[in-house]
N, C-alpha and C. Protein backbone atom coordinates (compact mmCIF):
# COMPACT_ATOMS: atom_id res chain seq x y z
N MET A 1 14.85 -10.92 -5.04
CA MET A 1 14.02 -12.03 -4.64
C MET A 1 14.78 -13.32 -4.90
N ARG A 2 14.63 -14.27 -3.98
CA ARG A 2 15.23 -15.59 -4.21
C ARG A 2 14.45 -16.27 -5.33
N SER A 3 15.16 -16.95 -6.20
CA SER A 3 14.54 -17.62 -7.32
C SER A 3 13.63 -18.76 -6.85
N PRO A 4 12.45 -18.90 -7.45
CA PRO A 4 11.58 -20.04 -7.12
C PRO A 4 12.23 -21.38 -7.43
N GLU A 5 13.23 -21.38 -8.29
CA GLU A 5 13.93 -22.61 -8.65
C GLU A 5 15.18 -22.84 -7.79
N SER A 6 15.39 -22.05 -6.77
CA SER A 6 16.58 -22.13 -5.93
C SER A 6 16.75 -23.51 -5.30
N GLN A 7 17.98 -23.96 -5.24
CA GLN A 7 18.30 -25.23 -4.59
C GLN A 7 18.06 -25.17 -3.08
N TYR A 8 18.01 -23.96 -2.54
CA TYR A 8 17.83 -23.76 -1.11
C TYR A 8 16.44 -24.20 -0.64
N ILE A 9 15.47 -24.24 -1.54
CA ILE A 9 14.10 -24.61 -1.16
C ILE A 9 14.04 -26.12 -0.95
N THR A 10 13.76 -26.49 0.29
CA THR A 10 13.71 -27.90 0.67
C THR A 10 12.36 -28.22 1.30
N GLY A 11 12.11 -29.50 1.49
CA GLY A 11 10.88 -29.91 2.18
C GLY A 11 10.82 -29.36 3.59
N GLU A 12 11.97 -29.32 4.27
CA GLU A 12 12.02 -28.78 5.63
C GLU A 12 11.63 -27.29 5.64
N LEU A 13 12.18 -26.53 4.69
CA LEU A 13 11.84 -25.11 4.60
C LEU A 13 10.36 -24.94 4.28
N ALA A 14 9.85 -25.74 3.37
CA ALA A 14 8.43 -25.65 3.02
C ALA A 14 7.57 -25.85 4.27
N GLY A 15 7.92 -26.84 5.09
CA GLY A 15 7.18 -27.09 6.33
C GLY A 15 7.26 -25.91 7.29
N GLU A 16 8.45 -25.32 7.42
CA GLU A 16 8.62 -24.17 8.31
C GLU A 16 7.77 -22.99 7.88
N LEU A 17 7.56 -22.88 6.56
CA LEU A 17 6.78 -21.76 6.03
C LEU A 17 5.30 -22.07 5.88
N GLY A 18 4.89 -23.26 6.32
CA GLY A 18 3.48 -23.63 6.30
C GLY A 18 2.99 -24.18 4.98
N HIS A 19 3.90 -24.62 4.12
CA HIS A 19 3.51 -25.24 2.85
C HIS A 19 3.59 -26.75 3.00
N SER A 20 2.75 -27.46 2.28
CA SER A 20 2.73 -28.92 2.40
C SER A 20 3.80 -29.58 1.54
N SER A 21 4.37 -28.83 0.60
CA SER A 21 5.37 -29.43 -0.29
C SER A 21 6.31 -28.37 -0.83
N ILE A 22 7.41 -28.84 -1.42
CA ILE A 22 8.35 -27.93 -2.08
C ILE A 22 7.64 -27.20 -3.23
N GLU A 23 6.84 -27.95 -3.99
CA GLU A 23 6.14 -27.33 -5.12
C GLU A 23 5.17 -26.26 -4.66
N GLY A 24 4.59 -26.44 -3.47
CA GLY A 24 3.68 -25.42 -2.93
C GLY A 24 4.39 -24.09 -2.71
N ILE A 25 5.58 -24.15 -2.13
CA ILE A 25 6.34 -22.92 -1.89
C ILE A 25 6.82 -22.32 -3.21
N ARG A 26 7.21 -23.17 -4.15
CA ARG A 26 7.65 -22.66 -5.47
C ARG A 26 6.50 -21.95 -6.20
N LYS A 27 5.29 -22.51 -6.12
CA LYS A 27 4.13 -21.87 -6.76
C LYS A 27 3.86 -20.50 -6.14
N SER A 28 3.93 -20.44 -4.81
CA SER A 28 3.72 -19.17 -4.12
C SER A 28 4.78 -18.15 -4.54
N MET A 29 6.03 -18.60 -4.62
CA MET A 29 7.11 -17.69 -5.03
C MET A 29 6.93 -17.25 -6.48
N ARG A 30 6.48 -18.14 -7.35
CA ARG A 30 6.26 -17.77 -8.76
C ARG A 30 5.17 -16.71 -8.88
N ARG A 31 4.10 -16.84 -8.07
CA ARG A 31 3.03 -15.83 -8.09
C ARG A 31 3.58 -14.47 -7.66
N ALA A 32 4.37 -14.47 -6.59
CA ALA A 32 4.97 -13.21 -6.12
C ALA A 32 5.89 -12.63 -7.19
N LEU A 33 6.68 -13.50 -7.82
CA LEU A 33 7.59 -13.04 -8.87
C LEU A 33 6.81 -12.48 -10.06
N ASP A 34 5.72 -13.14 -10.45
CA ASP A 34 4.90 -12.63 -11.55
C ASP A 34 4.35 -11.24 -11.22
N ASN A 35 3.92 -11.03 -9.97
CA ASN A 35 3.43 -9.71 -9.56
C ASN A 35 4.54 -8.68 -9.64
N LEU A 36 5.74 -9.04 -9.19
CA LEU A 36 6.87 -8.11 -9.24
C LEU A 36 7.26 -7.79 -10.69
N LYS A 37 7.24 -8.81 -11.56
CA LYS A 37 7.56 -8.57 -12.97
C LYS A 37 6.54 -7.64 -13.61
N HIS A 38 5.27 -7.78 -13.22
CA HIS A 38 4.23 -6.87 -13.72
C HIS A 38 4.52 -5.44 -13.26
N MET A 39 4.89 -5.28 -12.00
CA MET A 39 5.23 -3.95 -11.48
C MET A 39 6.42 -3.37 -12.23
N GLU A 40 7.38 -4.23 -12.58
CA GLU A 40 8.55 -3.78 -13.33
C GLU A 40 8.13 -3.27 -14.71
N GLU A 41 7.20 -3.96 -15.35
CA GLU A 41 6.71 -3.53 -16.67
C GLU A 41 6.00 -2.18 -16.60
N GLU A 42 5.33 -1.92 -15.49
CA GLU A 42 4.54 -0.70 -15.33
C GLU A 42 5.35 0.49 -14.83
N ASN A 43 6.53 0.26 -14.26
CA ASN A 43 7.32 1.33 -13.64
C ASN A 43 8.76 1.29 -14.15
N GLU A 44 9.19 2.37 -14.77
CA GLU A 44 10.52 2.39 -15.37
C GLU A 44 11.65 2.38 -14.33
N ASN A 45 11.40 2.80 -13.11
CA ASN A 45 12.44 2.82 -12.07
C ASN A 45 12.35 1.63 -11.13
N PHE A 46 11.81 0.53 -11.60
CA PHE A 46 11.61 -0.67 -10.78
C PHE A 46 12.22 -1.84 -11.52
N MET A 47 13.15 -2.57 -10.88
CA MET A 47 13.78 -3.71 -11.53
C MET A 47 13.78 -4.91 -10.59
N VAL A 48 13.51 -6.07 -11.17
CA VAL A 48 13.45 -7.31 -10.41
C VAL A 48 14.61 -8.21 -10.82
N LYS A 49 15.28 -8.79 -9.82
CA LYS A 49 16.32 -9.78 -10.07
C LYS A 49 16.14 -10.92 -9.08
N CYS A 50 16.62 -12.11 -9.45
CA CYS A 50 16.53 -13.29 -8.58
C CYS A 50 17.92 -13.81 -8.26
N TYR A 51 18.08 -14.31 -7.04
CA TYR A 51 19.34 -14.93 -6.64
C TYR A 51 19.07 -16.35 -6.17
N ASP A 52 20.13 -17.14 -6.06
CA ASP A 52 19.98 -18.56 -5.74
C ASP A 52 20.62 -18.94 -4.42
N SER A 53 21.26 -18.01 -3.73
CA SER A 53 21.96 -18.34 -2.50
C SER A 53 21.01 -18.36 -1.30
N LYS A 54 21.48 -18.95 -0.21
CA LYS A 54 20.69 -18.99 1.03
C LYS A 54 20.64 -17.59 1.63
N PRO A 55 19.46 -17.05 1.85
CA PRO A 55 19.37 -15.68 2.37
C PRO A 55 19.75 -15.60 3.84
N ILE A 56 20.30 -14.47 4.22
CA ILE A 56 20.63 -14.17 5.61
C ILE A 56 19.75 -13.02 6.10
N PHE A 57 19.56 -12.04 5.24
CA PHE A 57 18.75 -10.88 5.56
C PHE A 57 17.77 -10.62 4.43
N LYS A 58 16.66 -10.03 4.77
CA LYS A 58 15.75 -9.48 3.77
C LYS A 58 16.02 -7.98 3.77
N ILE A 59 16.38 -7.44 2.60
CA ILE A 59 16.73 -6.03 2.49
C ILE A 59 15.86 -5.38 1.43
N LEU A 60 15.17 -4.34 1.81
CA LEU A 60 14.40 -3.52 0.88
C LEU A 60 15.05 -2.15 0.87
N LEU A 61 15.44 -1.68 -0.29
CA LEU A 61 16.15 -0.41 -0.40
C LEU A 61 15.37 0.55 -1.27
N PHE A 62 15.04 1.70 -0.72
CA PHE A 62 14.32 2.75 -1.44
C PHE A 62 15.11 4.05 -1.28
N ASP A 63 15.84 4.41 -2.31
CA ASP A 63 16.66 5.62 -2.30
C ASP A 63 17.58 5.63 -1.07
N ASN A 64 17.29 6.49 -0.09
CA ASN A 64 18.18 6.57 1.08
C ASN A 64 17.56 5.97 2.34
N VAL A 65 16.53 5.14 2.18
CA VAL A 65 15.91 4.44 3.31
C VAL A 65 15.97 2.95 3.03
N MET A 66 16.38 2.20 4.05
CA MET A 66 16.52 0.75 3.92
C MET A 66 15.75 0.08 5.05
N PHE A 67 15.12 -1.04 4.71
CA PHE A 67 14.43 -1.86 5.70
C PHE A 67 15.12 -3.22 5.70
N VAL A 68 15.49 -3.70 6.88
CA VAL A 68 16.24 -4.94 7.00
C VAL A 68 15.60 -5.82 8.07
N SER A 69 15.45 -7.10 7.73
CA SER A 69 15.05 -8.08 8.75
C SER A 69 15.97 -9.27 8.62
N SER A 70 16.23 -9.91 9.73
CA SER A 70 17.09 -11.08 9.76
C SER A 70 16.26 -12.31 9.48
N ILE A 71 16.85 -13.22 8.70
CA ILE A 71 16.16 -14.47 8.40
C ILE A 71 16.88 -15.57 9.17
N ILE A 72 16.50 -15.74 10.42
CA ILE A 72 17.09 -16.75 11.29
C ILE A 72 15.95 -17.53 11.91
N GLY A 73 16.05 -18.84 11.86
CA GLY A 73 15.00 -19.68 12.40
C GLY A 73 13.78 -19.66 11.49
N PRO A 74 12.65 -20.15 11.97
CA PRO A 74 11.44 -20.15 11.15
C PRO A 74 11.09 -18.73 10.73
N LYS A 75 10.79 -18.57 9.48
CA LYS A 75 10.52 -17.26 8.91
C LYS A 75 9.02 -17.07 8.76
N ASN A 76 8.54 -15.92 9.14
CA ASN A 76 7.13 -15.59 8.97
C ASN A 76 7.06 -14.16 8.47
N ASP A 77 6.92 -13.99 7.16
CA ASP A 77 6.92 -12.66 6.57
C ASP A 77 5.80 -11.77 7.09
N GLN A 78 4.69 -12.35 7.49
CA GLN A 78 3.57 -11.53 7.93
C GLN A 78 3.84 -10.86 9.28
N ASN A 79 4.72 -11.44 10.08
CA ASN A 79 5.01 -10.87 11.40
C ASN A 79 6.47 -10.47 11.57
N ALA A 80 7.21 -10.38 10.47
CA ALA A 80 8.64 -10.05 10.55
C ALA A 80 8.81 -8.61 11.02
N LYS A 81 9.72 -8.42 11.96
CA LYS A 81 10.04 -7.07 12.41
C LYS A 81 11.21 -6.57 11.57
N MET A 82 11.06 -5.39 11.03
CA MET A 82 12.08 -4.83 10.16
C MET A 82 12.66 -3.57 10.80
N LEU A 83 13.97 -3.46 10.67
CA LEU A 83 14.69 -2.29 11.15
C LEU A 83 14.73 -1.27 10.02
N GLN A 84 14.33 -0.05 10.30
CA GLN A 84 14.40 1.02 9.30
C GLN A 84 15.68 1.80 9.53
N ILE A 85 16.50 1.90 8.49
CA ILE A 85 17.79 2.58 8.57
C ILE A 85 17.82 3.64 7.48
N THR A 86 18.27 4.82 7.82
CA THR A 86 18.42 5.87 6.81
C THR A 86 19.90 6.04 6.50
N GLN A 87 20.16 6.58 5.31
CA GLN A 87 21.53 6.81 4.89
C GLN A 87 22.22 7.68 5.94
N GLY A 88 23.44 7.33 6.30
CA GLY A 88 24.16 8.02 7.37
C GLY A 88 24.27 7.17 8.62
N HIS A 89 23.34 6.24 8.81
CA HIS A 89 23.40 5.29 9.93
C HIS A 89 24.59 4.37 9.69
N PRO A 90 25.37 4.04 10.72
CA PRO A 90 26.56 3.21 10.53
C PRO A 90 26.30 1.86 9.85
N LEU A 91 25.14 1.26 10.05
CA LEU A 91 24.85 -0.03 9.43
C LEU A 91 24.44 0.09 7.96
N PHE A 92 24.04 1.28 7.54
CA PHE A 92 23.52 1.45 6.19
C PHE A 92 24.55 1.03 5.14
N ALA A 93 25.79 1.48 5.28
CA ALA A 93 26.83 1.18 4.28
C ALA A 93 27.10 -0.31 4.20
N GLY A 94 27.14 -1.00 5.35
CA GLY A 94 27.38 -2.45 5.34
C GLY A 94 26.27 -3.21 4.65
N PHE A 95 25.03 -2.88 4.98
CA PHE A 95 23.90 -3.56 4.32
C PHE A 95 23.80 -3.17 2.85
N GLU A 96 24.16 -1.93 2.52
CA GLU A 96 24.15 -1.50 1.13
C GLU A 96 25.18 -2.30 0.32
N ASN A 97 26.36 -2.56 0.91
CA ASN A 97 27.37 -3.39 0.24
C ASN A 97 26.86 -4.81 0.04
N PHE A 98 26.18 -5.37 1.04
CA PHE A 98 25.62 -6.71 0.91
C PHE A 98 24.54 -6.74 -0.16
N PHE A 99 23.69 -5.71 -0.18
CA PHE A 99 22.66 -5.59 -1.21
C PHE A 99 23.31 -5.53 -2.59
N ASP A 100 24.36 -4.72 -2.72
CA ASP A 100 25.07 -4.61 -4.01
C ASP A 100 25.64 -5.96 -4.44
N TYR A 101 26.19 -6.72 -3.48
CA TYR A 101 26.73 -8.05 -3.79
C TYR A 101 25.61 -8.97 -4.32
N LEU A 102 24.48 -8.99 -3.62
CA LEU A 102 23.35 -9.81 -4.07
C LEU A 102 22.87 -9.36 -5.44
N TRP A 103 22.80 -8.05 -5.64
CA TRP A 103 22.32 -7.51 -6.91
C TRP A 103 23.24 -7.95 -8.06
N GLU A 104 24.54 -7.83 -7.85
CA GLU A 104 25.50 -8.20 -8.90
C GLU A 104 25.49 -9.70 -9.20
N SER A 105 25.22 -10.51 -8.20
CA SER A 105 25.23 -11.96 -8.40
C SER A 105 23.85 -12.51 -8.81
N SER A 106 22.89 -11.61 -9.00
CA SER A 106 21.54 -12.02 -9.37
C SER A 106 21.30 -11.83 -10.86
N GLN A 107 20.23 -12.46 -11.34
CA GLN A 107 19.89 -12.36 -12.75
C GLN A 107 18.44 -11.94 -12.91
N HIS A 108 18.17 -11.28 -14.01
CA HIS A 108 16.80 -10.90 -14.33
C HIS A 108 15.99 -12.17 -14.61
N PRO A 109 14.81 -12.31 -14.04
CA PRO A 109 14.01 -13.53 -14.28
C PRO A 109 13.51 -13.57 -15.72
N LEU A 110 13.35 -14.78 -16.21
CA LEU A 110 12.86 -14.96 -17.58
C LEU A 110 11.38 -14.72 -17.67
């Protein structure tokens, strides 16, 4: 997850996402992060990390199944189309490497 304190969060991005202010988007992100941290506490095989870079893709990885959506232009998570890729698909290794890069450069939230 991108950190709620990320420098990437701007007034322009807040407007694109339907928030009236930068603080509005940060509050929403903090609520989501709090929910994820709670899930991490309840599940031993679940870990949350935050990154600060500008996202290009949203990647969800579950064992050998990956869901990927591109973050280009105005983003709308409720209507985002995600590509489902299984291990063995030619794109899986590339996205897995990108996921690993994000994971290594991320930190556990406080």
